[in-house]
Amino acid sequence: MRSFLVRAPEDTEILEFLRSYAKKHNVVKASIAGIGAFKEATIAYYDIDLQRYIPINIDERVEILSLLGNISLADGDVFPHIHVVLGKRDGSTIGGHLLRGVVFLAELYIQELPGPPLERKPWKYGLKVWDIET
């Protein structure tokens, strides 16, 4: 298993950066953690009744207080699935599923996981989840 410490370049979109980085290093199953700041971001809340994400646009610089997630496969392609808690200037926080984040600074830890790749498959409620049995 490999570990990567990475600083995402300023002004990149973090999900695209993670997808590209994972492909470049052939990472198909991993855990991700990070801190830093976004210039702007879009997060989302998943509404189970509507079976869709409700986007929340954040048009200000925010600190990444916690970035947690994973890399697996969806439709045969690398898929970073990330959740964040973001801190605003006034000390308030907001969090959810990350749809987009324009990097000011992002320090990331990527820990590759053992075993075969995990593929996301359609599940009830309109979500794609890991195709594993517990």
C-alpha atoms as a PDB file:
ATOM      1  CA  MET A   1       0.000   0.000   0.000  1.00  0.00           C
ATOM      2  CA  ARG A   2       1.229   3.420  -0.914  1.00  0.00           C
ATOM      3  CA  SER A   3       0.705   6.743   0.832  1.00  0.00           C
ATOM      4  CA  PHE A   4       0.804  10.139  -0.848  1.00  0.00           C
ATOM      5  CA  LEU A   5       1.186  13.607   0.659  1.00  0.00           C
ATOM      6  CA  VAL A   6       0.001  16.105  -1.931  1.00  0.00           C
ATOM      7  CA  ARG A   7      -0.534  19.857  -2.202  1.00  0.00           C
ATOM      8  CA  ALA A   8      -3.127  20.683  -4.849  1.00  0.00           C
ATOM      9  CA  PRO A   9      -2.190  23.661  -7.060  1.00  0.00           C
ATOM     10  CA  GLU A  10      -3.933  26.978  -6.429  1.00  0.00           C
ATOM     11  CA  ASP A  11      -6.961  27.652  -8.663  1.00  0.00           C
ATOM     12  CA  THR A  12      -7.468  23.989  -9.580  1.00  0.00           C
ATOM     13  CA  GLU A  13     -10.810  22.302  -9.046  1.00  0.00           C
ATOM     14  CA  ILE A  14     -10.075  19.767  -6.318  1.00  0.00           C
ATOM     15  CA  LEU A  15     -12.205  16.857  -7.563  1.00  0.00           C
ATOM     16  CA  GLU A  16     -10.663  17.101 -11.035  1.00  0.00           C
ATOM     17  CA  PHE A  17      -7.221  17.305  -9.430  1.00  0.00           C
ATOM     18  CA  LEU A  18      -7.886  14.192  -7.310  1.00  0.00           C
ATOM     19  CA  ARG A  19      -9.265  12.273 -10.301  1.00  0.00           C
ATOM     20  CA  SER A  20      -6.243  13.193 -12.434  1.00  0.00           C
ATOM     21  CA  TYR A  21      -3.738  12.472  -9.650  1.00  0.00           C
ATOM     22  CA  ALA A  22      -5.303   9.073  -8.921  1.00  0.00           C
ATOM     23  CA  LYS A  23      -5.236   8.109 -12.602  1.00  0.00           C
ATOM     24  CA  LYS A  24      -1.617   9.252 -12.979  1.00  0.00           C
ATOM     25  CA  HIS A  25      -0.544   7.109  -9.998  1.00  0.00           C
ATOM     26  CA  ASN A  26      -2.935   4.216 -10.720  1.00  0.00           C
ATOM     27  CA  VAL A  27      -4.831   4.635  -7.436  1.00  0.00           C
ATOM     28  CA  VAL A  28      -8.264   2.984  -7.673  1.00  0.00           C
ATOM     29  CA  LYS A  29      -9.090   2.423  -3.991  1.00  0.00           C
ATOM     30  CA  ALA A  30      -8.001   4.845  -1.267  1.00  0.00           C
ATOM     31  CA  SER A  31      -8.920   6.894   1.763  1.00  0.00           C
ATOM     32  CA  ILE A  32      -8.456  10.682   1.573  1.00  0.00           C
ATOM     33  CA  ALA A  33      -8.079  13.355   4.265  1.00  0.00           C
ATOM     34  CA  GLY A  34      -7.160  16.995   3.936  1.00  0.00           C
ATOM     35  CA  ILE A  35      -7.145  20.577   5.169  1.00  0.00           C
ATOM     36  CA  GLY A  36      -6.700  23.959   3.529  1.00  0.00           C
ATOM     37  CA  ALA A  37      -8.985  26.554   1.961  1.00  0.00           C
ATOM     38  CA  PHE A  38     -11.240  27.069  -1.047  1.00  0.00           C
ATOM     39  CA  LYS A  39     -11.723  30.319  -2.943  1.00  0.00           C
ATOM     40  CA  GLU A  40     -15.278  29.147  -3.615  1.00  0.00           C
ATOM     41  CA  ALA A  41     -17.105  25.862  -3.439  1.00  0.00           C
ATOM     42  CA  THR A  42     -20.340  24.016  -4.037  1.00  0.00           C
ATOM     43  CA  ILE A  43     -21.444  21.421  -1.527  1.00  0.00           C
ATOM     44  CA  ALA A  44     -24.680  19.476  -1.409  1.00  0.00           C
ATOM     45  CA  TYR A  45     -27.209  17.855   0.858  1.00  0.00           C
ATOM     46  CA  TYR A  46     -28.762  14.609  -0.400  1.00  0.00           C
ATOM     47  CA  ASP A  47     -32.551  14.736  -0.146  1.00  0.00           C
ATOM     48  CA  ILE A  48     -33.693  11.125   0.171  1.00  0.00           C
ATOM     49  CA  ASP A  49     -37.330  11.963  -0.652  1.00  0.00           C
ATOM     50  CA  LEU A  50     -36.391  13.787  -3.869  1.00  0.00           C
ATOM     51  CA  GLN A  51     -33.534  11.340  -4.552  1.00  0.00           C
ATOM     52  CA  ARG A  52     -31.172  14.099  -5.607  1.00  0.00           C
ATOM     53  CA  TYR A  53     -28.500  16.407  -4.275  1.00  0.00           C
ATOM     54  CA  ILE A  54     -29.563  19.923  -3.295  1.00  0.00           C
ATOM     55  CA  PRO A  55     -26.591  22.193  -4.140  1.00  0.00           C
ATOM     56  CA  ILE A  56     -25.364  24.911  -1.785  1.00  0.00           C
ATOM     57  CA  ASN A  57     -23.133  27.513  -3.464  1.00  0.00           C
ATOM     58  CA  ILE A  58     -20.447  29.162  -1.355  1.00  0.00           C
ATOM     59  CA  ASP A  59     -19.166  32.312  -3.054  1.00  0.00           C
ATOM     60  CA  GLU A  60     -16.533  33.275  -0.492  1.00  0.00           C
ATOM     61  CA  ARG A  61     -13.185  32.006   0.744  1.00  0.00           C
ATOM     62  CA  VAL A  62     -13.651  29.273   3.330  1.00  0.00           C
ATOM     63  CA  GLU A  63     -11.267  27.134   5.342  1.00  0.00           C
ATOM     64  CA  ILE A  64     -11.351  23.380   4.861  1.00  0.00           C
ATOM     65  CA  LEU A  65     -11.685  22.311   8.496  1.00  0.00           C
ATOM     66  CA  SER A  66     -12.137  18.682   7.516  1.00  0.00           C
ATOM     67  CA  LEU A  67     -12.010  16.942   4.155  1.00  0.00           C
ATOM     68  CA  LEU A  68     -12.701  13.201   4.282  1.00  0.00           C
ATOM     69  CA  GLY A  69     -13.523  10.712   1.606  1.00  0.00           C
ATOM     70  CA  ASN A  70     -12.430   7.927  -0.641  1.00  0.00           C
ATOM     71  CA  ILE A  71     -11.496   6.932  -4.141  1.00  0.00           C
ATOM     72  CA  SER A  72     -13.231   4.042  -5.857  1.00  0.00           C
ATOM     73  CA  LEU A  73     -14.642   3.391  -9.327  1.00  0.00           C
ATOM     74  CA  ALA A  74     -17.947   4.551 -10.815  1.00  0.00           C
ATOM     75  CA  ASP A  75     -18.898   3.493 -14.325  1.00  0.00           C
ATOM     76  CA  GLY A  76     -15.372   2.101 -14.678  1.00  0.00           C
ATOM     77  CA  ASP A  77     -13.670   5.445 -13.987  1.00  0.00           C
ATOM     78  CA  VAL A  78     -11.869   6.833 -10.935  1.00  0.00           C
ATOM     79  CA  PHE A  79     -14.377   8.537  -8.628  1.00  0.00           C
ATOM     80  CA  PRO A  80     -13.335  10.713  -5.661  1.00  0.00           C
ATOM     81  CA  HIS A  81     -16.206  10.846  -3.131  1.00  0.00           C
ATOM     82  CA  ILE A  82     -15.537  13.696  -0.707  1.00  0.00           C
ATOM     83  CA  HIS A  83     -17.353  15.310   2.214  1.00  0.00           C
ATOM     84  CA  VAL A  84     -16.205  18.556   3.823  1.00  0.00           C
ATOM     85  CA  VAL A  85     -16.776  20.780   6.806  1.00  0.00           C
ATOM     86  CA  LEU A  86     -15.978  24.376   5.862  1.00  0.00           C
ATOM     87  CA  GLY A  87     -15.340  27.324   8.179  1.00  0.00           C
ATOM     88  CA  LYS A  88     -16.563  30.809   7.304  1.00  0.00           C
ATOM     89  CA  ARG A  89     -15.016  34.151   8.272  1.00  0.00           C
ATOM     90  CA  ASP A  90     -17.619  34.688  11.023  1.00  0.00           C
ATOM     91  CA  GLY A  91     -16.757  31.355  12.641  1.00  0.00           C
ATOM     92  CA  SER A  92     -19.816  29.505  11.406  1.00  0.00           C
ATOM     93  CA  THR A  93     -19.463  26.171   9.648  1.00  0.00           C
ATOM     94  CA  ILE A  94     -21.219  24.418   6.809  1.00  0.00           C
ATOM     95  CA  GLY A  95     -20.726  20.912   5.533  1.00  0.00           C
ATOM     96  CA  GLY A  96     -21.843  18.336   3.051  1.00  0.00           C
ATOM     97  CA  HIS A  97     -21.008  16.355  -0.058  1.00  0.00           C
ATOM     98  CA  LEU A  98     -18.412  18.224  -2.143  1.00  0.00           C
ATOM     99  CA  LEU A  99     -19.509  18.959  -5.712  1.00  0.00           C
ATOM    100  CA  ARG A 100     -16.833  21.543  -6.553  1.00  0.00           C
ATOM    101  CA  GLY A 101     -14.022  23.373  -4.792  1.00  0.00           C
ATOM    102  CA  VAL A 102     -11.630  25.934  -6.259  1.00  0.00           C
ATOM    103  CA  VAL A 103      -8.359  25.518  -4.374  1.00  0.00           C
ATOM    104  CA  PHE A 104      -6.670  28.335  -2.489  1.00  0.00           C
ATOM    105  CA  LEU A 105      -4.583  25.808  -0.567  1.00  0.00           C
ATOM    106  CA  ALA A 106      -5.175  22.089  -0.101  1.00  0.00           C
ATOM    107  CA  GLU A 107      -2.881  19.662   1.713  1.00  0.00           C
ATOM    108  CA  LEU A 108      -4.047  16.112   1.126  1.00  0.00           C
ATOM    109  CA  TYR A 109      -3.192  12.680   2.473  1.00  0.00           C
ATOM    110  CA  ILE A 110      -4.113   9.774   0.200  1.00  0.00           C
ATOM    111  CA  GLN A 111      -3.795   6.259   1.628  1.00  0.00           C
ATOM    112  CA  GLU A 112      -4.131   3.461  -0.896  1.00  0.00           C
ATOM    113  CA  LEU A 113      -6.196   0.520   0.371  1.00  0.00           C
ATOM    114  CA  PRO A 114      -5.514  -3.197  -0.227  1.00  0.00           C
ATOM    115  CA  GLY A 115      -7.601  -5.575  -2.275  1.00  0.00           C
ATOM    116  CA  PRO A 116      -9.435  -5.332  -5.562  1.00  0.00           C
ATOM    117  CA  PRO A 117     -11.008  -2.061  -6.732  1.00  0.00           C
ATOM    118  CA  LEU A 118     -14.445  -1.139  -5.409  1.00  0.00           C
ATOM    119  CA  GLU A 119     -17.072  -0.267  -8.017  1.00  0.00           C
ATOM    120  CA  ARG A 120     -20.040   1.976  -7.205  1.00  0.00           C
ATOM    121  CA  LYS A 121     -23.371   0.539  -8.362  1.00  0.00           C
ATOM    122  CA  PRO A 122     -26.916   1.954  -8.350  1.00  0.00           C
ATOM    123  CA  TRP A 123     -28.724   1.460  -5.058  1.00  0.00           C
ATOM    124  CA  LYS A 124     -32.151   2.442  -3.809  1.00  0.00           C
ATOM    125  CA  TYR A 125     -32.799   6.140  -3.171  1.00  0.00           C
ATOM    126  CA  GLY A 126     -30.971   7.050  -6.394  1.00  0.00           C
ATOM    127  CA  LEU A 127     -27.477   6.710  -4.951  1.00  0.00           C
ATOM    128  CA  LYS A 128     -24.470   4.800  -6.248  1.00  0.00           C
ATOM    129  CA  VAL A 129     -22.735   2.916  -3.439  1.00  0.00           C
ATOM    130  CA  TRP A 130     -19.929   0.395  -3.094  1.00  0.00           C
ATOM    131  CA  ASP A 131     -20.853  -3.020  -4.419  1.00  0.00           C
ATOM    132  CA  ILE A 132     -19.826  -4.962  -1.301  1.00  0.00           C
ATOM    133  CA  GLU A 133     -21.578  -7.249   1.127  1.00  0.00           C
ATOM    134  CA  THR A 134     -21.203  -6.822   4.877  1.00  0.00           C
END
